[in-house]
Amino acid sequence: MIAVGSGFNSKNARSRESSKLHTYGLTNFDLVNISKANEPFDKVDVWLGKVDKVDVYTNQDIYKTIKKAKKKLLKVSIKYEGPVEAPIKKDEKIAILKVVYDDELVGEYDLLASNEVNKVNFVSRLLKSLNYLIWGDV
């Protein structure tokens, strides 16, 4: 945290007011860690892949500074057209992480696949498609 003050009559007054700003900031705001870079954030459903889900991650650390009393207003969601159809390449963008605070979008970040997902063979694709048609189960 940085406090900048100008227009004060003395160095002592500037220091006193800067100290007040720091105290206000530290007592009323928190830095919230939403996602760490290159660490799994969540899983996304996969269609016709050798696995049913794939881990996704962000390629950057995501932090937001919010008021302590209003932490409940922070909402994080994953948006994707799902399930994502295989094949999926490692580090391919397959979803978007949306960060909303007090009904206002404050950030959108790409979610990347943690590993490669290959497509299942023809027979497995046929069986999974029939299962989906009959039972609606992905």
N, C-alpha and C. Protein backbone atom coordinates (compact mmCIF):
# COMPACT_ATOMS: atom_id res chain seq x y z
N MET A 1 0.84 -1.16 0.00
CA MET A 1 0.00 0.00 0.00
C MET A 1 0.89 1.24 0.00
N ILE A 2 0.50 2.21 -0.78
CA ILE A 2 1.27 3.45 -0.90
C ILE A 2 0.34 4.62 -0.63
N ALA A 3 0.79 5.55 0.19
CA ALA A 3 0.03 6.77 0.46
C ALA A 3 0.84 7.96 -0.03
N VAL A 4 0.19 8.83 -0.77
CA VAL A 4 0.84 10.02 -1.30
C VAL A 4 0.06 11.23 -0.81
N GLY A 5 0.76 12.16 -0.20
CA GLY A 5 0.11 13.37 0.29
C GLY A 5 0.88 14.59 -0.16
N SER A 6 0.15 15.61 -0.58
CA SER A 6 0.80 16.87 -0.97
C SER A 6 -0.06 18.03 -0.52
N GLY A 7 0.54 19.19 -0.45
CA GLY A 7 -0.20 20.39 -0.06
C GLY A 7 -0.28 20.60 1.44
N PHE A 8 0.47 19.84 2.22
CA PHE A 8 0.47 20.02 3.67
C PHE A 8 1.48 21.09 4.07
N ASN A 9 1.27 21.71 5.21
CA ASN A 9 2.12 22.80 5.66
C ASN A 9 3.48 22.33 6.17
N SER A 10 3.54 21.07 6.65
CA SER A 10 4.81 20.60 7.20
C SER A 10 4.99 19.12 6.90
N LYS A 11 6.22 18.67 7.07
CA LYS A 11 6.55 17.26 6.87
C LYS A 11 5.83 16.40 7.92
N ASN A 12 5.71 16.92 9.12
CA ASN A 12 5.04 16.22 10.21
C ASN A 12 3.55 16.01 9.89
N ALA A 13 2.88 17.03 9.35
CA ALA A 13 1.46 16.91 8.98
C ALA A 13 1.29 15.89 7.86
N ARG A 14 2.20 15.90 6.90
CA ARG A 14 2.16 14.94 5.79
C ARG A 14 2.32 13.52 6.32
N SER A 15 3.24 13.29 7.24
CA SER A 15 3.46 11.97 7.83
C SER A 15 2.23 11.51 8.63
N ARG A 16 1.64 12.41 9.37
CA ARG A 16 0.47 12.07 10.18
C ARG A 16 -0.71 11.66 9.28
N GLU A 17 -0.97 12.38 8.24
CA GLU A 17 -2.08 12.07 7.33
C GLU A 17 -1.81 10.80 6.53
N SER A 18 -0.57 10.58 6.15
CA SER A 18 -0.21 9.34 5.45
C SER A 18 -0.43 8.14 6.36
N SER A 19 -0.09 8.29 7.63
CA SER A 19 -0.31 7.23 8.61
C SER A 19 -1.80 6.93 8.76
N LYS A 20 -2.64 7.97 8.77
CA LYS A 20 -4.09 7.78 8.85
C LYS A 20 -4.61 7.00 7.63
N LEU A 21 -4.11 7.33 6.45
CA LEU A 21 -4.53 6.63 5.24
C LEU A 21 -4.15 5.15 5.29
N HIS A 22 -2.93 4.87 5.74
CA HIS A 22 -2.49 3.48 5.87
C HIS A 22 -3.36 2.70 6.86
N THR A 23 -3.63 3.31 7.99
CA THR A 23 -4.45 2.66 9.02
C THR A 23 -5.85 2.37 8.47
N TYR A 24 -6.44 3.32 7.77
CA TYR A 24 -7.76 3.13 7.19
C TYR A 24 -7.74 1.97 6.18
N GLY A 25 -6.76 1.96 5.31
CA GLY A 25 -6.67 0.91 4.30
C GLY A 25 -6.48 -0.47 4.90
N LEU A 26 -5.61 -0.59 5.88
CA LEU A 26 -5.34 -1.90 6.49
C LEU A 26 -6.50 -2.42 7.33
N THR A 27 -7.28 -1.54 7.93
CA THR A 27 -8.38 -2.01 8.77
C THR A 27 -9.67 -2.25 7.99
N ASN A 28 -9.83 -1.66 6.83
CA ASN A 28 -11.09 -1.76 6.10
C ASN A 28 -11.05 -2.60 4.83
N PHE A 29 -9.86 -2.99 4.36
CA PHE A 29 -9.76 -3.72 3.11
C PHE A 29 -8.92 -4.98 3.28
N ASP A 30 -9.22 -5.98 2.43
CA ASP A 30 -8.48 -7.24 2.41
C ASP A 30 -8.07 -7.56 0.98
N LEU A 31 -6.94 -8.22 0.85
CA LEU A 31 -6.49 -8.72 -0.44
C LEU A 31 -6.91 -10.18 -0.52
N VAL A 32 -7.79 -10.50 -1.48
CA VAL A 32 -8.34 -11.84 -1.62
C VAL A 32 -7.64 -12.56 -2.77
N ASN A 33 -7.12 -13.76 -2.47
CA ASN A 33 -6.48 -14.59 -3.49
C ASN A 33 -7.57 -15.41 -4.17
N ILE A 34 -7.74 -15.21 -5.46
CA ILE A 34 -8.75 -15.94 -6.22
C ILE A 34 -8.14 -17.15 -6.91
N SER A 35 -6.96 -16.98 -7.50
CA SER A 35 -6.31 -18.09 -8.20
C SER A 35 -4.80 -17.90 -8.21
N LYS A 36 -4.09 -19.00 -8.04
CA LYS A 36 -2.63 -18.98 -8.16
C LYS A 36 -2.24 -19.43 -9.56
N ALA A 37 -1.22 -18.83 -10.11
CA ALA A 37 -0.78 -19.15 -11.47
C ALA A 37 -0.33 -20.60 -11.56
N ASN A 38 -0.75 -21.25 -12.63
CA ASN A 38 -0.33 -22.61 -12.99
C ASN A 38 -0.71 -23.68 -11.98
N GLU A 39 -1.68 -23.40 -11.10
CA GLU A 39 -2.19 -24.40 -10.17
C GLU A 39 -3.64 -24.71 -10.54
N PRO A 40 -4.06 -25.98 -10.43
CA PRO A 40 -5.44 -26.32 -10.80
C PRO A 40 -6.46 -25.46 -10.06
N PHE A 41 -7.40 -24.91 -10.82
CA PHE A 41 -8.44 -24.08 -10.24
C PHE A 41 -9.74 -24.87 -10.05
N ASP A 42 -10.11 -25.63 -11.07
CA ASP A 42 -11.34 -26.43 -11.04
C ASP A 42 -11.27 -27.46 -12.15
N LYS A 43 -12.35 -28.21 -12.32
CA LYS A 43 -12.43 -29.21 -13.39
C LYS A 43 -13.56 -28.84 -14.34
N VAL A 44 -13.37 -29.19 -15.63
CA VAL A 44 -14.35 -28.92 -16.66
C VAL A 44 -14.74 -30.25 -17.30
N ASP A 45 -16.03 -30.42 -17.59
CA ASP A 45 -16.52 -31.66 -18.21
C ASP A 45 -16.01 -31.80 -19.64
N VAL A 46 -15.70 -33.06 -20.01
CA VAL A 46 -15.19 -33.38 -21.34
C VAL A 46 -16.15 -34.35 -22.01
N TRP A 47 -16.41 -34.14 -23.30
CA TRP A 47 -17.29 -35.00 -24.08
C TRP A 47 -16.45 -35.83 -25.05
N LEU A 48 -16.66 -37.13 -25.03
CA LEU A 48 -16.00 -38.09 -25.92
C LEU A 48 -14.48 -38.10 -25.74
N GLY A 49 -14.04 -37.89 -24.52
CA GLY A 49 -12.62 -37.94 -24.21
C GLY A 49 -12.28 -39.18 -23.41
N LYS A 50 -11.00 -39.51 -23.33
CA LYS A 50 -10.57 -40.67 -22.55
C LYS A 50 -10.75 -40.46 -21.06
N VAL A 51 -10.93 -39.21 -20.65
CA VAL A 51 -11.28 -38.88 -19.27
C VAL A 51 -12.55 -38.01 -19.31
N ASP A 52 -13.31 -38.01 -18.22
CA ASP A 52 -14.57 -37.26 -18.18
C ASP A 52 -14.41 -35.80 -17.80
N LYS A 53 -13.29 -35.48 -17.13
CA LYS A 53 -13.04 -34.10 -16.68
C LYS A 53 -11.57 -33.76 -16.89
N VAL A 54 -11.31 -32.47 -17.06
CA VAL A 54 -9.93 -32.00 -17.18
C VAL A 54 -9.75 -30.81 -16.24
N ASP A 55 -8.59 -30.76 -15.57
CA ASP A 55 -8.27 -29.63 -14.70
C ASP A 55 -8.00 -28.39 -15.54
N VAL A 56 -8.43 -27.24 -15.04
CA VAL A 56 -8.13 -25.97 -15.70
C VAL A 56 -7.39 -25.06 -14.72
N TYR A 57 -6.60 -24.14 -15.28
CA TYR A 57 -5.79 -23.23 -14.46
C TYR A 57 -5.66 -21.89 -15.16
N THR A 58 -5.24 -20.88 -14.40
CA THR A 58 -4.93 -19.58 -14.97
C THR A 58 -3.41 -19.46 -15.08
N ASN A 59 -2.94 -18.67 -16.02
CA ASN A 59 -1.50 -18.51 -16.19
C ASN A 59 -0.97 -17.28 -15.45
N GLN A 60 -1.78 -16.74 -14.53
CA GLN A 60 -1.36 -15.60 -13.73
C GLN A 60 -2.02 -15.67 -12.35
N ASP A 61 -1.39 -15.03 -11.38
CA ASP A 61 -2.00 -14.92 -10.05
C ASP A 61 -3.13 -13.90 -10.15
N ILE A 62 -4.25 -14.20 -9.51
CA ILE A 62 -5.38 -13.28 -9.53
C ILE A 62 -5.73 -12.91 -8.09
N TYR A 63 -5.60 -11.62 -7.79
CA TYR A 63 -5.92 -11.07 -6.48
C TYR A 63 -6.86 -9.89 -6.68
N LYS A 64 -7.77 -9.69 -5.73
CA LYS A 64 -8.65 -8.52 -5.74
C LYS A 64 -8.67 -7.92 -4.34
N THR A 65 -8.64 -6.60 -4.26
CA THR A 65 -8.73 -5.89 -2.98
C THR A 65 -10.18 -5.47 -2.80
N ILE A 66 -10.79 -5.94 -1.70
CA ILE A 66 -12.20 -5.64 -1.45
C ILE A 66 -12.40 -5.24 0.00
N LYS A 67 -13.54 -4.61 0.26
CA LYS A 67 -13.87 -4.21 1.63
C LYS A 67 -14.12 -5.44 2.49
N LYS A 68 -13.59 -5.43 3.70
CA LYS A 68 -13.73 -6.57 4.61
C LYS A 68 -15.19 -6.90 4.89
N ALA A 69 -16.00 -5.91 5.08
CA ALA A 69 -17.40 -6.14 5.43
C ALA A 69 -18.23 -6.66 4.26
N LYS A 70 -17.70 -6.59 3.05
CA LYS A 70 -18.48 -6.97 1.87
C LYS A 70 -17.86 -8.12 1.09
N LYS A 71 -17.17 -9.03 1.77
CA LYS A 71 -16.55 -10.17 1.09
C LYS A 71 -17.58 -11.07 0.43
N LYS A 72 -18.79 -11.12 0.97
CA LYS A 72 -19.84 -11.98 0.43
C LYS A 72 -20.31 -11.52 -0.94
N LEU A 73 -20.01 -10.30 -1.33
CA LEU A 73 -20.42 -9.78 -2.63
C LEU A 73 -19.50 -10.23 -3.76
N LEU A 74 -18.38 -10.86 -3.41
CA LEU A 74 -17.43 -11.34 -4.41
C LEU A 74 -17.89 -12.71 -4.91
N LYS A 75 -18.08 -12.83 -6.21
CA LYS A 75 -18.52 -14.08 -6.82
C LYS A 75 -17.60 -14.45 -7.98
N VAL A 76 -17.22 -15.73 -8.01
CA VAL A 76 -16.34 -16.25 -9.06
C VAL A 76 -17.08 -17.36 -9.77
N SER A 77 -17.10 -17.33 -11.11
CA SER A 77 -17.78 -18.37 -11.87
C SER A 77 -16.96 -18.76 -13.09
N ILE A 78 -17.24 -19.98 -13.57
CA ILE A 78 -16.57 -20.49 -14.77
C ILE A 78 -17.60 -20.56 -15.88
N LYS A 79 -17.28 -19.99 -17.03
CA LYS A 79 -18.17 -20.01 -18.19
C LYS A 79 -17.50 -20.79 -19.32
N TYR A 80 -18.25 -21.77 -19.85
CA TYR A 80 -17.76 -22.52 -21.02
C TYR A 80 -18.92 -23.21 -21.70
N GLU A 81 -18.75 -23.49 -22.98
CA GLU A 81 -19.73 -24.25 -23.74
C GLU A 81 -19.43 -25.70 -23.44
N GLY A 82 -20.22 -26.30 -22.58
CA GLY A 82 -19.83 -27.62 -22.11
C GLY A 82 -20.84 -28.69 -22.40
N PRO A 83 -20.39 -29.88 -22.31
CA PRO A 83 -19.00 -30.26 -22.05
C PRO A 83 -18.11 -29.97 -23.26
N VAL A 84 -16.82 -29.78 -23.01
CA VAL A 84 -15.85 -29.46 -24.06
C VAL A 84 -15.53 -30.76 -24.81
N GLU A 85 -15.60 -30.68 -26.12
CA GLU A 85 -15.38 -31.89 -26.93
C GLU A 85 -13.89 -32.17 -27.08
N ALA A 86 -13.55 -33.46 -26.90
CA ALA A 86 -12.17 -33.92 -27.10
C ALA A 86 -11.91 -33.97 -28.60
N PRO A 87 -10.70 -33.87 -29.06
CA PRO A 87 -9.44 -33.77 -28.32
C PRO A 87 -9.18 -32.35 -27.81
N ILE A 88 -8.48 -32.31 -26.68
CA ILE A 88 -8.10 -31.04 -26.06
C ILE A 88 -6.58 -31.05 -25.92
N LYS A 89 -5.97 -29.96 -26.35
CA LYS A 89 -4.51 -29.84 -26.23
C LYS A 89 -4.15 -29.22 -24.89
N LYS A 90 -2.98 -29.56 -24.39
CA LYS A 90 -2.48 -28.96 -23.15
C LYS A 90 -2.32 -27.46 -23.38
N ASP A 91 -2.69 -26.66 -22.39
CA ASP A 91 -2.62 -25.20 -22.41
C ASP A 91 -3.61 -24.55 -23.39
N GLU A 92 -4.58 -25.30 -23.88
CA GLU A 92 -5.61 -24.75 -24.75
C GLU A 92 -6.65 -24.02 -23.91
N LYS A 93 -7.11 -22.86 -24.38
CA LYS A 93 -8.14 -22.11 -23.67
C LYS A 93 -9.47 -22.83 -23.87
N ILE A 94 -10.08 -23.25 -22.74
CA ILE A 94 -11.35 -23.98 -22.86
C ILE A 94 -12.47 -23.35 -22.03
N ALA A 95 -12.15 -22.35 -21.22
CA ALA A 95 -13.18 -21.71 -20.40
C ALA A 95 -12.71 -20.30 -20.01
N ILE A 96 -13.63 -19.57 -19.38
CA ILE A 96 -13.33 -18.21 -18.90
C ILE A 96 -13.71 -18.13 -17.42
N LEU A 97 -12.83 -17.56 -16.64
CA LEU A 97 -13.08 -17.31 -15.23
C LEU A 97 -13.59 -15.88 -15.10
N LYS A 98 -14.81 -15.72 -14.57
CA LYS A 98 -15.39 -14.39 -14.39
C LYS A 98 -15.41 -14.04 -12.91
N VAL A 99 -14.93 -12.85 -12.60
CA VAL A 99 -14.91 -12.35 -11.23
C VAL A 99 -15.87 -11.16 -11.16
N VAL A 100 -16.89 -11.28 -10.30
CA VAL A 100 -17.93 -10.26 -10.16
C VAL A 100 -17.93 -9.79 -8.71
N TYR A 101 -17.95 -8.47 -8.53
CA TYR A 101 -18.04 -7.88 -7.18
C TYR A 101 -19.19 -6.88 -7.17
N ASP A 102 -20.16 -7.12 -6.30
CA ASP A 102 -21.31 -6.24 -6.15
C ASP A 102 -22.03 -6.05 -7.50
N ASP A 103 -22.26 -7.17 -8.19
CA ASP A 103 -22.95 -7.21 -9.49
C ASP A 103 -22.22 -6.45 -10.60
N GLU A 104 -20.94 -6.23 -10.44
CA GLU A 104 -20.13 -5.55 -11.46
C GLU A 104 -18.97 -6.47 -11.84
N LEU A 105 -18.81 -6.71 -13.14
CA LEU A 105 -17.72 -7.55 -13.63
C LEU A 105 -16.40 -6.81 -13.41
N VAL A 106 -15.50 -7.43 -12.62
CA VAL A 106 -14.21 -6.79 -12.33
C VAL A 106 -13.04 -7.51 -12.99
N GLY A 107 -13.31 -8.64 -13.66
CA GLY A 107 -12.23 -9.32 -14.35
C GLY A 107 -12.67 -10.59 -15.06
N GLU A 108 -12.06 -10.83 -16.22
CA GLU A 108 -12.24 -12.07 -16.97
C GLU A 108 -10.87 -12.62 -17.30
N TYR A 109 -10.69 -13.92 -17.07
CA TYR A 109 -9.38 -14.53 -17.26
C TYR A 109 -9.56 -15.86 -18.00
N ASP A 110 -8.61 -16.19 -18.86
CA ASP A 110 -8.65 -17.45 -19.59
C ASP A 110 -8.33 -18.61 -18.66
N LEU A 111 -9.09 -19.69 -18.82
CA LEU A 111 -8.79 -20.94 -18.12
C LEU A 111 -8.25 -21.92 -19.14
N LEU A 112 -7.09 -22.47 -18.86
CA LEU A 112 -6.37 -23.33 -19.79
C LEU A 112 -6.39 -24.77 -19.29
N ALA A 113 -6.35 -25.71 -20.24
CA ALA A 113 -6.35 -27.13 -19.90
C ALA A 113 -4.99 -27.52 -19.31
N SER A 114 -5.03 -28.25 -18.20
CA SER A 114 -3.79 -28.66 -17.52
C SER A 114 -3.07 -29.78 -18.26
N ASN A 115 -3.82 -30.61 -18.97
CA ASN A 115 -3.19 -31.70 -19.70
C ASN A 115 -3.97 -32.00 -20.97
N GLU A 116 -3.40 -32.85 -21.78
CA GLU A 116 -4.00 -33.23 -23.05
C GLU A 116 -5.05 -34.30 -22.82
N VAL A 117 -6.15 -34.21 -23.57
CA VAL A 117 -7.20 -35.23 -23.51
C VAL A 117 -7.44 -35.72 -24.93
N ASN A 118 -7.20 -37.02 -25.13
CA ASN A 118 -7.41 -37.62 -26.44
C ASN A 118 -8.84 -38.08 -26.60
N LYS A 119 -9.26 -38.21 -27.85
CA LYS A 119 -10.60 -38.67 -28.16
C LYS A 119 -10.66 -40.19 -27.99
N VAL A 120 -11.81 -40.71 -27.56
CA VAL A 120 -11.97 -42.16 -27.44
C VAL A 120 -12.13 -42.76 -28.83
N ASN A 121 -11.99 -44.10 -28.93
CA ASN A 121 -12.12 -44.76 -30.23
C ASN A 121 -13.57 -44.75 -30.73
N PHE A 122 -13.77 -45.19 -31.95
CA PHE A 122 -15.08 -45.12 -32.61
C PHE A 122 -16.15 -45.87 -31.83
N VAL A 123 -15.86 -47.06 -31.35
CA VAL A 123 -16.85 -47.86 -30.63
C VAL A 123 -17.27 -47.17 -29.34
N SER A 124 -16.31 -46.64 -28.60
CA SER A 124 -16.63 -45.92 -27.36
C SER A 124 -17.44 -44.67 -27.64
N ARG A 125 -17.12 -43.95 -28.72
CA ARG A 125 -17.89 -42.76 -29.10
C ARG A 125 -19.33 -43.14 -29.40
N LEU A 126 -19.51 -44.25 -30.12
CA LEU A 126 -20.84 -44.72 -30.46
C LEU A 126 -21.63 -45.08 -29.20
N LEU A 127 -21.01 -45.81 -28.27
CA LEU A 127 -21.68 -46.20 -27.04
C LEU A 127 -22.03 -44.98 -26.18
N LYS A 128 -21.10 -44.03 -26.07
CA LYS A 128 -21.36 -42.83 -25.28
C LYS A 128 -22.48 -42.00 -25.90
N SER A 129 -22.51 -41.92 -27.23
CA SER A 129 -23.57 -41.17 -27.91
C SER A 129 -24.93 -41.81 -27.70
N LEU A 130 -24.99 -43.14 -27.78
CA LEU A 130 -26.25 -43.84 -27.52
C LEU A 130 -26.69 -43.66 -26.07
N ASN A 131 -25.76 -43.76 -25.16
CA ASN A 131 -26.06 -43.54 -23.74
C ASN A 131 -26.63 -42.14 -23.52
N TYR A 132 -26.07 -41.17 -24.20
CA TYR A 132 -26.55 -39.79 -24.08
C TYR A 132 -27.96 -39.66 -24.65
N LEU A 133 -28.20 -40.28 -25.81
CA LEU A 133 -29.52 -40.20 -26.42
C LEU A 133 -30.59 -40.86 -25.55
N ILE A 134 -30.26 -41.99 -24.95
CA ILE A 134 -31.23 -42.75 -24.17
C ILE A 134 -31.41 -42.16 -22.77
N TRP A 135 -30.32 -41.94 -22.06
CA TRP A 135 -30.36 -41.54 -20.66
C TRP A 135 -30.08 -40.05 -20.41
N GLY A 136 -29.52 -39.38 -21.41
CA GLY A 136 -29.16 -37.97 -21.21
C GLY A 136 -27.93 -37.80 -20.35
N ASP A 137 -27.16 -38.89 -20.18
CA ASP A 137 -25.99 -38.86 -19.31
C ASP A 137 -24.75 -38.60 -20.14
N VAL A 138 -23.99 -37.58 -19.74
CA VAL A 138 -22.74 -37.27 -20.43
C VAL A 138 -21.70 -38.20 -19.93
